[in-house]
Amino acid sequence: MSCRSTRYLSTVEKVDLKKYQGTWYEIARLPNSFERGVDCITATYIQKQNGKIRVINQAYNKKKQKVRKAVGTAWRPDEKHQGRLKVSFFWPFAGDYYIIALDDDYQYALVGNPSRKYLWILARNKTISQDTYYELVKIASKNGFDVSKLIFPEHDCYD
């Protein structure tokens, strides 16, 4: 049985949310409706005292010359699966946020969804090495994501 039919998606075993917090740059993603027409995309995670995470997604629409911001909440629904988070921008709706790969130093991450519709390559910097990029794409492909559709946002929006 394929991963796609079971909807199972393996994740990293351990995630230190304190190390994961901070700003991540979107290096690549699969197309989705909520990021259409934007570049300079960042996701900032801030751990709250109640254990949940404040999520601030920000992007720039060059055509409209306008910054878009979405604020939500993330949480770990099951401590046994540390790489699986739920994220909600519009309560009570929440999506699966699965950390598929994570650098030991928390410098890059591969995040997806069991539906295989959503995938992001994130990094602490605006670029990553070609070797790192290809390794993450290889992991995504092995997990059933259509990496041929990856989009690469620009990061020079404010000049």
N, C-alpha and C. Protein backbone atom coordinates (compact mmCIF):
# COMPACT_ATOMS: atom_id res chain seq x y z
N MET A 1 0.85 -1.18 0.00
CA MET A 1 0.00 0.00 0.00
C MET A 1 0.89 1.24 0.00
N SER A 2 0.56 2.23 -0.78
CA SER A 2 1.39 3.43 -0.89
C SER A 2 1.13 4.38 0.27
N CYS A 3 2.09 5.28 0.49
CA CYS A 3 1.93 6.31 1.52
C CYS A 3 0.69 7.15 1.25
N ARG A 4 0.44 7.43 0.00
CA ARG A 4 -0.66 8.32 -0.36
C ARG A 4 -2.00 7.72 0.06
N SER A 5 -2.16 6.42 -0.13
CA SER A 5 -3.44 5.83 0.19
C SER A 5 -3.63 5.66 1.70
N THR A 6 -2.56 5.48 2.45
CA THR A 6 -2.69 5.32 3.90
C THR A 6 -2.71 6.66 4.60
N ARG A 7 -2.25 7.71 3.94
CA ARG A 7 -2.15 9.04 4.50
C ARG A 7 -1.15 9.12 5.64
N TYR A 8 -0.39 8.04 5.88
CA TYR A 8 0.62 8.05 6.92
C TYR A 8 1.82 8.85 6.42
N LEU A 9 2.39 9.64 7.30
CA LEU A 9 3.58 10.41 6.97
C LEU A 9 4.48 10.40 8.19
N SER A 10 5.67 9.84 8.03
CA SER A 10 6.58 9.78 9.18
C SER A 10 7.16 11.16 9.45
N THR A 11 7.47 11.39 10.71
CA THR A 11 8.01 12.67 11.14
C THR A 11 9.27 12.43 11.96
N VAL A 12 9.97 13.51 12.26
CA VAL A 12 11.12 13.39 13.14
C VAL A 12 10.64 12.95 14.52
N GLU A 13 11.50 12.28 15.26
CA GLU A 13 11.09 11.75 16.57
C GLU A 13 11.09 12.79 17.66
N LYS A 14 12.04 13.73 17.59
CA LYS A 14 12.18 14.70 18.67
C LYS A 14 12.26 16.11 18.10
N VAL A 15 11.49 17.02 18.70
CA VAL A 15 11.53 18.43 18.33
C VAL A 15 11.56 19.25 19.62
N ASP A 16 12.61 20.01 19.80
CA ASP A 16 12.71 20.93 20.93
C ASP A 16 12.05 22.23 20.48
N LEU A 17 10.85 22.50 20.98
CA LEU A 17 10.10 23.66 20.52
C LEU A 17 10.80 24.98 20.85
N LYS A 18 11.61 25.00 21.90
CA LYS A 18 12.37 26.21 22.21
C LYS A 18 13.41 26.49 21.12
N LYS A 19 14.03 25.43 20.60
CA LYS A 19 15.01 25.60 19.52
C LYS A 19 14.32 25.89 18.19
N TYR A 20 13.11 25.37 18.02
CA TYR A 20 12.37 25.55 16.77
C TYR A 20 11.82 26.96 16.64
N GLN A 21 11.56 27.61 17.78
CA GLN A 21 10.99 28.95 17.70
C GLN A 21 11.96 29.92 17.03
N GLY A 22 11.41 31.03 16.58
CA GLY A 22 12.18 32.02 15.84
C GLY A 22 11.65 32.11 14.42
N THR A 23 12.39 32.80 13.58
CA THR A 23 11.95 33.05 12.20
C THR A 23 12.58 32.06 11.23
N TRP A 24 11.74 31.57 10.34
CA TRP A 24 12.14 30.66 9.26
C TRP A 24 11.76 31.31 7.94
N TYR A 25 12.63 31.18 6.94
CA TYR A 25 12.36 31.67 5.58
C TYR A 25 11.86 30.50 4.74
N GLU A 26 10.89 30.79 3.89
CA GLU A 26 10.39 29.78 2.98
C GLU A 26 11.31 29.71 1.77
N ILE A 27 11.94 28.58 1.59
CA ILE A 27 12.87 28.36 0.47
C ILE A 27 12.10 27.84 -0.74
N ALA A 28 11.19 26.91 -0.50
CA ALA A 28 10.38 26.32 -1.58
C ALA A 28 9.09 25.79 -0.98
N ARG A 29 8.08 25.64 -1.84
CA ARG A 29 6.79 25.11 -1.39
C ARG A 29 6.05 24.50 -2.56
N LEU A 30 5.07 23.69 -2.25
CA LEU A 30 4.11 23.27 -3.25
C LEU A 30 3.08 24.38 -3.38
N PRO A 31 2.51 24.57 -4.56
CA PRO A 31 1.52 25.64 -4.75
C PRO A 31 0.33 25.45 -3.81
N ASN A 32 -0.16 26.57 -3.29
CA ASN A 32 -1.37 26.55 -2.47
C ASN A 32 -2.07 27.88 -2.64
N SER A 33 -3.35 27.90 -2.36
CA SER A 33 -4.16 29.10 -2.61
C SER A 33 -3.82 30.25 -1.66
N PHE A 34 -3.44 29.95 -0.43
CA PHE A 34 -3.24 31.03 0.53
C PHE A 34 -1.89 31.73 0.39
N GLU A 35 -1.00 31.22 -0.46
CA GLU A 35 0.28 31.90 -0.70
C GLU A 35 0.43 32.34 -2.16
N ARG A 36 -0.65 32.36 -2.89
CA ARG A 36 -0.61 32.74 -4.30
C ARG A 36 -0.21 34.21 -4.43
N GLY A 37 0.77 34.48 -5.29
CA GLY A 37 1.16 35.85 -5.61
C GLY A 37 2.02 36.56 -4.58
N VAL A 38 2.60 35.81 -3.64
CA VAL A 38 3.42 36.45 -2.62
C VAL A 38 4.85 35.92 -2.63
N ASP A 39 5.75 36.74 -2.11
CA ASP A 39 7.15 36.39 -1.96
C ASP A 39 7.61 36.85 -0.58
N CYS A 40 8.90 36.69 -0.32
CA CYS A 40 9.48 37.12 0.97
C CYS A 40 8.68 36.56 2.13
N ILE A 41 8.47 35.26 2.09
CA ILE A 41 7.62 34.60 3.06
C ILE A 41 8.44 34.13 4.26
N THR A 42 7.95 34.50 5.43
CA THR A 42 8.57 34.03 6.67
C THR A 42 7.50 33.47 7.58
N ALA A 43 7.94 32.58 8.44
CA ALA A 43 7.09 32.04 9.51
C ALA A 43 7.87 32.22 10.80
N THR A 44 7.25 32.87 11.75
CA THR A 44 7.89 33.08 13.05
C THR A 44 7.09 32.34 14.10
N TYR A 45 7.80 31.55 14.90
CA TYR A 45 7.18 30.75 15.95
C TYR A 45 7.66 31.26 17.30
N ILE A 46 6.72 31.50 18.20
CA ILE A 46 7.04 32.01 19.53
C ILE A 46 6.33 31.12 20.55
N GLN A 47 7.11 30.45 21.39
CA GLN A 47 6.50 29.57 22.38
C GLN A 47 5.87 30.40 23.49
N LYS A 48 4.62 30.06 23.80
CA LYS A 48 3.88 30.77 24.85
C LYS A 48 4.01 30.01 26.17
N GLN A 49 3.69 30.67 27.25
CA GLN A 49 3.83 30.05 28.58
C GLN A 49 2.93 28.83 28.76
N ASN A 50 1.82 28.78 28.03
CA ASN A 50 0.90 27.64 28.15
C ASN A 50 1.34 26.44 27.32
N GLY A 51 2.53 26.54 26.68
CA GLY A 51 3.05 25.44 25.87
C GLY A 51 2.68 25.52 24.41
N LYS A 52 1.66 26.30 24.09
CA LYS A 52 1.28 26.48 22.69
C LYS A 52 2.26 27.44 22.01
N ILE A 53 2.15 27.55 20.71
CA ILE A 53 3.07 28.36 19.92
C ILE A 53 2.29 29.40 19.15
N ARG A 54 2.73 30.63 19.25
CA ARG A 54 2.14 31.69 18.42
C ARG A 54 2.83 31.60 17.06
N VAL A 55 2.05 31.60 15.99
CA VAL A 55 2.57 31.50 14.63
C VAL A 55 2.26 32.80 13.91
N ILE A 56 3.30 33.42 13.35
CA ILE A 56 3.11 34.65 12.58
C ILE A 56 3.68 34.40 11.18
N ASN A 57 2.80 34.26 10.21
CA ASN A 57 3.22 34.11 8.83
C ASN A 57 3.14 35.47 8.15
N GLN A 58 4.20 35.82 7.44
CA GLN A 58 4.23 37.12 6.77
C GLN A 58 4.74 36.93 5.35
N ALA A 59 4.14 37.68 4.42
CA ALA A 59 4.53 37.60 3.02
C ALA A 59 4.29 38.95 2.37
N TYR A 60 4.93 39.15 1.24
CA TYR A 60 4.82 40.43 0.53
C TYR A 60 4.25 40.19 -0.85
N ASN A 61 3.21 40.95 -1.17
CA ASN A 61 2.61 40.90 -2.50
C ASN A 61 3.19 42.08 -3.29
N LYS A 62 4.11 41.77 -4.22
CA LYS A 62 4.78 42.84 -4.99
C LYS A 62 3.81 43.63 -5.84
N LYS A 63 2.84 42.93 -6.42
CA LYS A 63 1.88 43.59 -7.31
C LYS A 63 1.09 44.65 -6.54
N LYS A 64 0.64 44.31 -5.34
CA LYS A 64 -0.14 45.24 -4.51
C LYS A 64 0.75 46.08 -3.60
N GLN A 65 2.04 45.75 -3.58
CA GLN A 65 3.01 46.42 -2.71
C GLN A 65 2.49 46.47 -1.27
N LYS A 66 2.13 45.27 -0.80
CA LYS A 66 1.50 45.18 0.51
C LYS A 66 1.98 43.92 1.24
N VAL A 67 2.23 44.08 2.53
CA VAL A 67 2.60 42.94 3.38
C VAL A 67 1.32 42.28 3.87
N ARG A 68 1.30 40.96 3.79
CA ARG A 68 0.18 40.19 4.34
C ARG A 68 0.68 39.45 5.57
N LYS A 69 -0.13 39.44 6.61
CA LYS A 69 0.24 38.78 7.84
C LYS A 69 -0.92 37.93 8.33
N ALA A 70 -0.60 36.74 8.79
CA ALA A 70 -1.60 35.86 9.40
C ALA A 70 -1.05 35.38 10.73
N VAL A 71 -1.86 35.47 11.76
CA VAL A 71 -1.44 35.05 13.09
C VAL A 71 -2.31 33.87 13.53
N GLY A 72 -1.64 32.84 14.02
CA GLY A 72 -2.36 31.65 14.46
C GLY A 72 -1.71 31.02 15.66
N THR A 73 -2.16 29.82 15.96
CA THR A 73 -1.66 29.07 17.11
C THR A 73 -1.33 27.65 16.66
N ALA A 74 -0.22 27.14 17.18
CA ALA A 74 0.17 25.75 16.94
C ALA A 74 0.30 25.04 18.28
N TRP A 75 0.09 23.74 18.25
CA TRP A 75 0.25 22.94 19.46
C TRP A 75 0.57 21.51 19.07
N ARG A 76 1.13 20.80 20.01
CA ARG A 76 1.47 19.40 19.83
C ARG A 76 0.31 18.58 20.41
N PRO A 77 -0.49 17.92 19.56
CA PRO A 77 -1.66 17.20 20.08
C PRO A 77 -1.31 15.92 20.85
N ASP A 78 -0.11 15.39 20.60
CA ASP A 78 0.29 14.12 21.23
C ASP A 78 1.79 14.17 21.49
N GLU A 79 2.19 14.16 22.74
CA GLU A 79 3.61 14.25 23.11
C GLU A 79 4.42 13.07 22.57
N LYS A 80 3.75 11.94 22.29
CA LYS A 80 4.47 10.77 21.76
C LYS A 80 4.93 11.00 20.32
N HIS A 81 4.30 11.95 19.63
CA HIS A 81 4.65 12.27 18.24
C HIS A 81 5.09 13.73 18.19
N GLN A 82 6.33 13.97 18.58
CA GLN A 82 6.82 15.35 18.72
C GLN A 82 6.89 16.11 17.40
N GLY A 83 7.03 15.42 16.29
CA GLY A 83 7.12 16.07 14.99
C GLY A 83 5.78 16.43 14.38
N ARG A 84 4.70 16.11 15.05
CA ARG A 84 3.35 16.39 14.54
C ARG A 84 2.75 17.54 15.33
N LEU A 85 2.43 18.60 14.62
CA LEU A 85 1.76 19.74 15.23
C LEU A 85 0.43 19.98 14.54
N LYS A 86 -0.43 20.68 15.21
CA LYS A 86 -1.66 21.20 14.63
C LYS A 86 -1.50 22.71 14.58
N VAL A 87 -1.96 23.33 13.50
CA VAL A 87 -1.88 24.78 13.36
C VAL A 87 -3.26 25.31 12.98
N SER A 88 -3.67 26.36 13.67
CA SER A 88 -4.97 26.97 13.39
C SER A 88 -4.81 28.47 13.21
N PHE A 89 -5.33 28.95 12.09
CA PHE A 89 -5.41 30.39 11.85
C PHE A 89 -6.85 30.87 11.98
N PHE A 90 -7.79 29.93 11.89
CA PHE A 90 -9.22 30.24 12.00
C PHE A 90 -9.87 29.16 12.85
N TRP A 91 -9.97 29.40 14.15
CA TRP A 91 -10.57 28.43 15.05
C TRP A 91 -12.01 28.20 14.66
N PRO A 92 -12.49 26.98 14.62
CA PRO A 92 -11.94 25.75 15.14
C PRO A 92 -11.19 24.90 14.11
N PHE A 93 -10.88 25.46 12.97
CA PHE A 93 -10.22 24.69 11.92
C PHE A 93 -8.72 24.64 12.17
N ALA A 94 -8.14 23.45 12.04
CA ALA A 94 -6.71 23.27 12.25
C ALA A 94 -6.16 22.30 11.22
N GLY A 95 -4.94 22.57 10.78
CA GLY A 95 -4.30 21.71 9.81
C GLY A 95 -3.13 20.95 10.41
N ASP A 96 -2.78 19.86 9.78
CA ASP A 96 -1.63 19.08 10.22
C ASP A 96 -0.34 19.72 9.72
N TYR A 97 0.62 19.86 10.61
CA TYR A 97 1.93 20.44 10.34
C TYR A 97 2.93 19.39 10.79
N TYR A 98 3.45 18.61 9.84
CA TYR A 98 4.33 17.50 10.15
C TYR A 98 5.77 17.86 9.80
N ILE A 99 6.64 17.81 10.77
CA ILE A 99 8.06 18.07 10.55
C ILE A 99 8.69 16.75 10.10
N ILE A 100 8.97 16.68 8.81
CA ILE A 100 9.45 15.45 8.18
C ILE A 100 10.96 15.30 8.33
N ALA A 101 11.67 16.42 8.25
CA ALA A 101 13.12 16.42 8.42
C ALA A 101 13.51 17.71 9.13
N LEU A 102 14.53 17.60 9.99
CA LEU A 102 14.96 18.75 10.76
C LEU A 102 16.45 18.64 11.02
N ASP A 103 17.17 19.70 10.69
CA ASP A 103 18.61 19.76 10.92
C ASP A 103 18.89 19.69 12.43
N ASP A 104 19.96 19.01 12.80
CA ASP A 104 20.33 18.89 14.21
C ASP A 104 20.51 20.25 14.88
N ASP A 105 20.94 21.23 14.12
CA ASP A 105 21.15 22.58 14.65
C ASP A 105 19.96 23.51 14.38
N TYR A 106 18.87 22.94 13.89
CA TYR A 106 17.64 23.71 13.64
C TYR A 106 17.88 24.84 12.64
N GLN A 107 18.64 24.53 11.57
CA GLN A 107 18.92 25.52 10.54
C GLN A 107 18.03 25.34 9.31
N TYR A 108 17.47 24.16 9.11
CA TYR A 108 16.53 23.93 8.02
C TYR A 108 15.56 22.83 8.42
N ALA A 109 14.40 22.85 7.77
CA ALA A 109 13.35 21.87 8.07
C ALA A 109 12.55 21.58 6.81
N LEU A 110 11.99 20.40 6.78
CA LEU A 110 11.05 19.98 5.73
C LEU A 110 9.73 19.71 6.43
N VAL A 111 8.69 20.43 6.02
CA VAL A 111 7.39 20.35 6.68
C VAL A 111 6.34 20.00 5.64
N GLY A 112 5.47 19.08 5.99
CA GLY A 112 4.42 18.70 5.05
C GLY A 112 3.14 18.32 5.76
N ASN A 113 2.24 17.76 4.98
CA ASN A 113 0.92 17.39 5.44
C ASN A 113 0.63 15.99 4.91
N PRO A 114 -0.02 15.12 5.70
CA PRO A 114 -0.28 13.75 5.24
C PRO A 114 -1.06 13.65 3.93
N SER A 115 -1.80 14.70 3.56
CA SER A 115 -2.54 14.68 2.30
C SER A 115 -1.60 14.78 1.09
N ARG A 116 -0.36 15.19 1.35
CA ARG A 116 0.67 15.45 0.33
C ARG A 116 0.35 16.68 -0.52
N LYS A 117 -0.62 17.50 -0.12
CA LYS A 117 -0.95 18.74 -0.83
C LYS A 117 -0.04 19.89 -0.42
N TYR A 118 0.47 19.83 0.79
CA TYR A 118 1.26 20.94 1.31
C TYR A 118 2.66 20.48 1.67
N LEU A 119 3.64 21.28 1.27
CA LEU A 119 5.03 20.97 1.56
C LEU A 119 5.82 22.27 1.56
N TRP A 120 6.69 22.41 2.55
CA TRP A 120 7.55 23.59 2.63
C TRP A 120 8.97 23.17 2.98
N ILE A 121 9.92 23.82 2.35
CA ILE A 121 11.32 23.75 2.76
C ILE A 121 11.60 25.09 3.43
N LEU A 122 11.98 25.02 4.70
CA LEU A 122 12.21 26.21 5.50
C LEU A 122 13.66 26.28 5.96
N ALA A 123 14.17 27.48 6.14
CA ALA A 123 15.54 27.65 6.63
C ALA A 123 15.65 28.92 7.46
N ARG A 124 16.66 28.97 8.28
CA ARG A 124 16.90 30.15 9.12
C ARG A 124 17.45 31.32 8.30
N ASN A 125 18.00 31.00 7.13
CA ASN A 125 18.54 32.01 6.22
C ASN A 125 17.73 32.00 4.93
N LYS A 126 17.93 33.01 4.11
CA LYS A 126 17.18 33.14 2.86
C LYS A 126 17.59 32.13 1.80
N THR A 127 18.71 31.45 2.01
CA THR A 127 19.18 30.44 1.07
C THR A 127 19.71 29.24 1.84
N ILE A 128 19.77 28.10 1.15
CA ILE A 128 20.43 26.92 1.70
C ILE A 128 21.34 26.36 0.62
N SER A 129 22.24 25.50 1.02
CA SER A 129 23.17 24.91 0.04
C SER A 129 22.39 24.02 -0.92
N GLN A 130 22.95 23.86 -2.11
CA GLN A 130 22.32 23.01 -3.12
C GLN A 130 22.24 21.57 -2.61
N ASP A 131 23.28 21.11 -1.93
CA ASP A 131 23.28 19.74 -1.39
C ASP A 131 22.15 19.53 -0.39
N THR A 132 21.96 20.51 0.50
CA THR A 132 20.88 20.42 1.49
C THR A 132 19.53 20.42 0.79
N TYR A 133 19.37 21.32 -0.17
CA TYR A 133 18.12 21.39 -0.91
C TYR A 133 17.80 20.04 -1.57
N TYR A 134 18.77 19.46 -2.27
CA TYR A 134 18.53 18.19 -2.97
C TYR A 134 18.24 17.05 -2.00
N GLU A 135 18.87 17.07 -0.84
CA GLU A 135 18.60 16.04 0.17
C GLU A 135 17.16 16.15 0.68
N LEU A 136 16.69 17.37 0.92
CA LEU A 136 15.31 17.56 1.38
C LEU A 136 14.31 17.19 0.29
N VAL A 137 14.61 17.52 -0.94
CA VAL A 137 13.73 17.14 -2.06
C VAL A 137 13.66 15.62 -2.19
N LYS A 138 14.79 14.97 -2.00
CA LYS A 138 14.83 13.50 -2.06
C LYS A 138 13.94 12.89 -0.97
N ILE A 139 14.01 13.43 0.23
CA ILE A 139 13.18 12.94 1.33
C ILE A 139 11.70 13.17 1.00
N ALA A 140 11.38 14.35 0.49
CA ALA A 140 9.99 14.66 0.14
C ALA A 140 9.47 13.71 -0.93
N SER A 141 10.28 13.48 -1.95
CA SER A 141 9.88 12.60 -3.04
C SER A 141 9.64 11.17 -2.53
N LYS A 142 10.53 10.68 -1.68
CA LYS A 142 10.38 9.33 -1.11
C LYS A 142 9.11 9.22 -0.28
N ASN A 143 8.63 10.35 0.23
CA ASN A 143 7.42 10.36 1.05
C ASN A 143 6.16 10.66 0.25
N GLY A 144 6.27 10.66 -1.08
CA GLY A 144 5.08 10.76 -1.92
C GLY A 144 4.66 12.16 -2.34
N PHE A 145 5.52 13.16 -2.14
CA PHE A 145 5.20 14.52 -2.56
C PHE A 145 5.63 14.73 -4.01
N ASP A 146 4.86 15.48 -4.78
CA ASP A 146 5.19 15.78 -6.17
C ASP A 146 6.15 16.98 -6.20
N VAL A 147 7.42 16.70 -6.08
CA VAL A 147 8.43 17.77 -5.99
C VAL A 147 8.64 18.50 -7.32
N SER A 148 8.09 17.98 -8.40
CA SER A 148 8.22 18.66 -9.70
C SER A 148 7.44 19.97 -9.71
N LYS A 149 6.53 20.15 -8.76
CA LYS A 149 5.69 21.35 -8.70
C LYS A 149 6.19 22.41 -7.72
N LEU A 150 7.38 22.20 -7.16
CA LEU A 150 7.88 23.15 -6.16
C LEU A 150 8.02 24.57 -6.73
N ILE A 151 7.66 25.55 -5.92
CA ILE A 151 7.75 26.98 -6.24
C ILE A 151 8.84 27.58 -5.36
N PHE A 152 9.59 28.53 -5.91
CA PHE A 152 10.69 29.16 -5.19
C PHE A 152 10.42 30.66 -5.04
N PRO A 153 9.97 31.06 -3.87
CA PRO A 153 9.67 32.48 -3.67
C PRO A 153 10.94 33.34 -3.66
N GLU A 154 10.80 34.57 -4.08
CA GLU A 154 11.91 35.53 -4.02
C GLU A 154 12.05 36.04 -2.59
N HIS A 155 13.23 36.58 -2.30
CA HIS A 155 13.45 37.15 -0.97
C HIS A 155 14.01 38.57 -1.05
N ASP A 156 13.81 39.25 -2.18
CA ASP A 156 14.32 40.61 -2.36
C ASP A 156 13.15 41.57 -2.62
N CYS A 157 12.20 41.58 -1.73
CA CYS A 157 10.95 42.33 -1.96
C CYS A 157 11.02 43.79 -1.60
N TYR A 158 11.91 44.19 -0.77
CA TYR A 158 11.85 45.51 -0.20
C TYR A 158 12.93 46.46 -0.73
N ASP A 159 13.44 46.21 -1.93
CA ASP A 159 14.48 47.11 -2.45
C ASP A 159 13.92 48.22 -3.31
